[in-house]
Amino acid sequence: MNQGRRDRRRGDAPARGLQFGVANYAAFALGLTSIAAGYVLLDRGSVTAAPLLLILGYVVFLPAGLILGWRRLN
C-alpha cells in the first residue's frame, strides 16, 4: 500500500521538471550577452544603445529562454 509513495521518494518516478533545449540555452546566452554588453556600454557613457541592450536582455531574451518549447512537455 505504501509502495507507490516509497518509490516516488527514491526518485523512481519520471522527472517532469524544466527540460531545456538548445533554443532555451541560445536565448539565455543571447540575454546574458546583451546584458553584459549593455552594462559595458553604460559604463562607457552610451545613453542610447546601453538601455536598449539591457531592455532586450531582461525583457525579451531571458523570458524567451524560459518560455520557448514549453508546449513540448505536455
Foldseek 3Di string as FASTA:
>chain_A
DCVVVVCVVVPVDDDLDDDFDPLLVVLLVQLVVLQVVLVVVVVVPDPPSNVVSNCCNPPPRNVCSRPPPPVVSD
